[in-house]
C-alpha atoms as a PDB file:
ATOM      1  CA  MET A   1     -86.411  -6.211   8.569  1.00  0.00           C
ATOM      2  CA  ASN A   2     -83.415  -7.335  10.670  1.00  0.00           C
ATOM      3  CA  LYS A   3     -80.930  -7.412   7.824  1.00  0.00           C
ATOM      4  CA  GLY A   4     -79.505  -3.957   8.594  1.00  0.00           C
ATOM      5  CA  TRP A   5     -79.073  -4.666  12.291  1.00  0.00           C
ATOM      6  CA  ASP A   6     -77.512  -8.048  11.547  1.00  0.00           C
ATOM      7  CA  ALA A   7     -75.096  -6.332   9.156  1.00  0.00           C
ATOM      8  CA  ILE A   8     -74.109  -3.848  11.875  1.00  0.00           C
ATOM      9  CA  GLY A   9     -73.606  -6.699  14.329  1.00  0.00           C
ATOM     10  CA  ILE A  10     -71.490  -8.631  11.839  1.00  0.00           C
ATOM     11  CA  GLY A  11     -69.425  -5.538  11.101  1.00  0.00           C
ATOM     12  CA  ALA A  12     -68.798  -4.800  14.768  1.00  0.00           C
ATOM     13  CA  SER A  13     -67.830  -8.413  15.463  1.00  0.00           C
ATOM     14  CA  LEU A  14     -65.480  -8.446  12.480  1.00  0.00           C
ATOM     15  CA  ALA A  15     -63.952  -5.145  13.591  1.00  0.00           C
ATOM     16  CA  CYS A  16     -63.275  -6.577  17.022  1.00  0.00           C
ATOM     17  CA  ALA A  17     -61.782  -9.767  15.598  1.00  0.00           C
ATOM     18  CA  VAL A  18     -59.598  -7.870  13.128  1.00  0.00           C
ATOM     19  CA  HIS A  19     -58.543  -5.492  15.903  1.00  0.00           C
ATOM     20  CA  CYS A  20     -57.476  -8.419  18.105  1.00  0.00           C
ATOM     21  CA  VAL A  21     -55.596 -10.258  15.365  1.00  0.00           C
ATOM     22  CA  LEU A  22     -53.925  -7.301  13.693  1.00  0.00           C
ATOM     23  CA  LEU A  23     -52.970  -5.421  16.840  1.00  0.00           C
ATOM     24  CA  PRO A  24     -49.798  -7.429  17.489  1.00  0.00           C
ATOM     25  CA  LEU A  25     -48.800  -7.342  13.822  1.00  0.00           C
ATOM     26  CA  VAL A  26     -49.166  -3.637  13.154  1.00  0.00           C
ATOM     27  CA  PHE A  27     -48.727  -2.222  16.643  1.00  0.00           C
ATOM     28  CA  THR A  28     -44.970  -1.865  16.429  1.00  0.00           C
ATOM     29  CA  THR A  29     -45.095  -0.235  13.009  1.00  0.00           C
ATOM     30  CA  LEU A  30     -47.918   2.194  13.758  1.00  0.00           C
ATOM     31  CA  THR A  31     -46.384   3.456  16.986  1.00  0.00           C
ATOM     32  CA  LEU A  32     -43.313   4.525  15.033  1.00  0.00           C
ATOM     33  CA  PHE A  33     -45.593   6.938  13.175  1.00  0.00           C
ATOM     34  CA  GLY A  34     -47.391   8.097  16.319  1.00  0.00           C
ATOM     35  CA  VAL A  35     -50.588   6.172  15.601  1.00  0.00           C
ATOM     36  CA  GLU A  36     -51.825   4.673  18.851  1.00  0.00           C
ATOM     37  CA  PHE A  37     -55.619   4.641  18.421  1.00  0.00           C
ATOM     38  CA  ILE A  38     -55.678   0.928  17.597  1.00  0.00           C
ATOM     39  CA  GLU A  39     -54.381   0.086  21.101  1.00  0.00           C
ATOM     40  CA  ASN A  40     -57.141   2.114  22.693  1.00  0.00           C
ATOM     41  CA  LYS A  41     -59.294   0.071  25.096  1.00  0.00           C
ATOM     42  CA  TYR A  42     -62.190   2.443  24.402  1.00  0.00           C
ATOM     43  CA  LEU A  43     -62.176   1.315  20.760  1.00  0.00           C
ATOM     44  CA  GLU A  44     -62.372  -2.295  21.900  1.00  0.00           C
ATOM     45  CA  VAL A  45     -65.187  -1.562  24.350  1.00  0.00           C
ATOM     46  CA  LEU A  46     -67.028   0.418  21.657  1.00  0.00           C
ATOM     47  CA  THR A  47     -66.928  -2.476  19.187  1.00  0.00           C
ATOM     48  CA  ILE A  48     -68.196  -4.886  21.852  1.00  0.00           C
ATOM     49  CA  VAL A  49     -70.995  -2.500  22.896  1.00  0.00           C
ATOM     50  CA  VAL A  50     -72.058  -1.861  19.289  1.00  0.00           C
ATOM     51  CA  SER A  51     -71.978  -5.599  18.609  1.00  0.00           C
ATOM     52  CA  MET A  52     -74.029  -6.254  21.744  1.00  0.00           C
ATOM     53  CA  CYS A  53     -76.650  -3.580  21.027  1.00  0.00           C
ATOM     54  CA  ALA A  54     -77.087  -4.240  17.313  1.00  0.00           C
ATOM     55  CA  GLY A  55     -76.941  -7.986  17.803  1.00  0.00           C
ATOM     56  CA  SER A  56     -79.453  -7.984  20.620  1.00  0.00           C
ATOM     57  CA  TRP A  57     -81.877  -5.853  18.644  1.00  0.00           C
ATOM     58  CA  ALA A  58     -81.586  -7.960  15.480  1.00  0.00           C
ATOM     59  CA  LEU A  59     -81.715 -11.330  17.203  1.00  0.00           C
ATOM     60  CA  ILE A  60     -84.617 -10.438  19.504  1.00  0.00           C
ATOM     61  CA  ARG A  61     -86.638  -9.222  16.543  1.00  0.00           C
ATOM     62  CA  GLY A  62     -85.673 -12.322  14.575  1.00  0.00           C
ATOM     63  CA  TYR A  63     -86.466 -14.626  17.496  1.00  0.00           C
ATOM     64  CA  ARG A  64     -90.008 -13.267  17.610  1.00  0.00           C
ATOM     65  CA  SER A  65     -90.572 -14.604  14.110  1.00  0.00           C
ATOM     66  CA  HIS A  66     -88.523 -17.820  14.022  1.00  0.00           C
ATOM     67  CA  HIS A  67     -88.251 -18.871  17.726  1.00  0.00           C
ATOM     68  CA  ARG A  68     -84.808 -20.438  17.297  1.00  0.00           C
ATOM     69  CA  LEU A  69     -83.175 -20.290  20.698  1.00  0.00           C
ATOM     70  CA  SER A  70     -79.908 -21.677  19.308  1.00  0.00           C
ATOM     71  CA  LEU A  71     -79.215 -18.393  17.515  1.00  0.00           C
ATOM     72  CA  VAL A  72     -79.662 -16.422  20.712  1.00  0.00           C
ATOM     73  CA  LEU A  73     -77.380 -18.877  22.527  1.00  0.00           C
ATOM     74  CA  TYR A  74     -74.678 -18.537  19.845  1.00  0.00           C
ATOM     75  CA  PHE A  75     -74.856 -14.785  20.257  1.00  0.00           C
ATOM     76  CA  VAL A  76     -74.771 -14.820  24.069  1.00  0.00           C
ATOM     77  CA  ILE A  77     -71.923 -17.345  24.250  1.00  0.00           C
ATOM     78  CA  GLY A  78     -69.991 -15.450  21.561  1.00  0.00           C
ATOM     79  CA  LEU A  79     -70.440 -12.159  23.377  1.00  0.00           C
ATOM     80  CA  GLY A  80     -69.349 -13.813  26.615  1.00  0.00           C
ATOM     81  CA  LEU A  81     -66.188 -15.124  24.943  1.00  0.00           C
ATOM     82  CA  MET A  82     -65.380 -11.705  23.508  1.00  0.00           C
ATOM     83  CA  ILE A  83     -65.796 -10.059  26.894  1.00  0.00           C
ATOM     84  CA  ALA A  84     -63.910 -12.844  28.723  1.00  0.00           C
ATOM     85  CA  GLY A  85     -60.983 -12.384  26.343  1.00  0.00           C
ATOM     86  CA  ASN A  86     -60.341  -8.991  27.919  1.00  0.00           C
ATOM     87  CA  PHE A  87     -59.692 -10.643  31.278  1.00  0.00           C
ATOM     88  CA  MET A  88     -57.491 -13.512  30.081  1.00  0.00           C
ATOM     89  CA  HIS A  89     -53.804 -13.617  30.768  1.00  0.00           C
ATOM     90  CA  GLY A  90     -51.758 -14.629  27.797  1.00  0.00           C
ATOM     91  CA  HIS A  91     -51.915 -13.120  24.365  1.00  0.00           C
ATOM     92  CA  TYR A  92     -52.938 -16.300  22.520  1.00  0.00           C
ATOM     93  CA  ALA A  93     -55.734 -17.158  24.973  1.00  0.00           C
ATOM     94  CA  GLU A  94     -57.152 -13.656  24.514  1.00  0.00           C
ATOM     95  CA  ILE A  95     -57.003 -13.847  20.721  1.00  0.00           C
ATOM     96  CA  LEU A  96     -58.544 -17.330  20.588  1.00  0.00           C
ATOM     97  CA  SER A  97     -61.350 -16.362  22.938  1.00  0.00           C
ATOM     98  CA  LYS A  98     -62.195 -13.209  21.005  1.00  0.00           C
ATOM     99  CA  LEU A  99     -61.982 -14.900  17.613  1.00  0.00           C
ATOM    100  CA  ALA A 100     -64.198 -17.777  18.765  1.00  0.00           C
ATOM    101  CA  GLY A 101     -66.659 -15.243  20.144  1.00  0.00           C
ATOM    102  CA  ALA A 102     -66.676 -13.256  16.918  1.00  0.00           C
ATOM    103  CA  VAL A 103     -67.232 -16.413  14.865  1.00  0.00           C
ATOM    104  CA  LEU A 104     -70.207 -17.400  17.044  1.00  0.00           C
ATOM    105  CA  ILE A 105     -71.726 -13.917  16.839  1.00  0.00           C
ATOM    106  CA  ILE A 106     -71.274 -13.739  13.074  1.00  0.00           C
ATOM    107  CA  THR A 107     -72.750 -17.240  12.728  1.00  0.00           C
ATOM    108  CA  ALA A 108     -75.779 -16.174  14.756  1.00  0.00           C
ATOM    109  CA  HIS A 109     -76.300 -13.109  12.562  1.00  0.00           C
ATOM    110  CA  VAL A 110     -75.848 -14.944   9.262  1.00  0.00           C
ATOM    111  CA  ARG A 111     -78.234 -17.705  10.326  1.00  0.00           C
ATOM    112  CA  ASN A 112     -80.687 -15.089  11.630  1.00  0.00           C
ATOM    113  CA  ILE A 113     -80.707 -13.402   8.230  1.00  0.00           C
ATOM    114  CA  SER A 114     -81.210 -16.737   6.496  1.00  0.00           C
ATOM    115  CA  VAL A 115     -84.017 -17.898   8.788  1.00  0.00           C
ATOM    116  CA  CYS A 116     -85.812 -14.547   8.683  1.00  0.00           C
ATOM    117  CA  ARG A 117     -85.881 -14.672   4.873  1.00  0.00           C
ATOM    118  CA  HIS A 118     -87.904 -17.911   4.919  1.00  0.00           C
END
């Protein structure tokens, strides 16, 4: 039922986390070849929006069957951390905020899948 939407949410959260971690490592190399799409803020906003939409849909549907508010809170706090990371000054603070947010969102989705199966 929610498995597909949870998978999309997990994928979007992972994409955002990978984007945030790998950007500093590969940015200098890719720009030498003219590849600048990974720095694009629209890509970052897109992954957050997809994560928010898919996650909301999956977790709301899951909540109707299992009524576990903690999963919704993990998701909301994780999404808040991912969004807040965009406004933080300092590269490490941004990365830590976004990674913590992604971990919370992924945890919410994985637990949602597990709880919905039972």
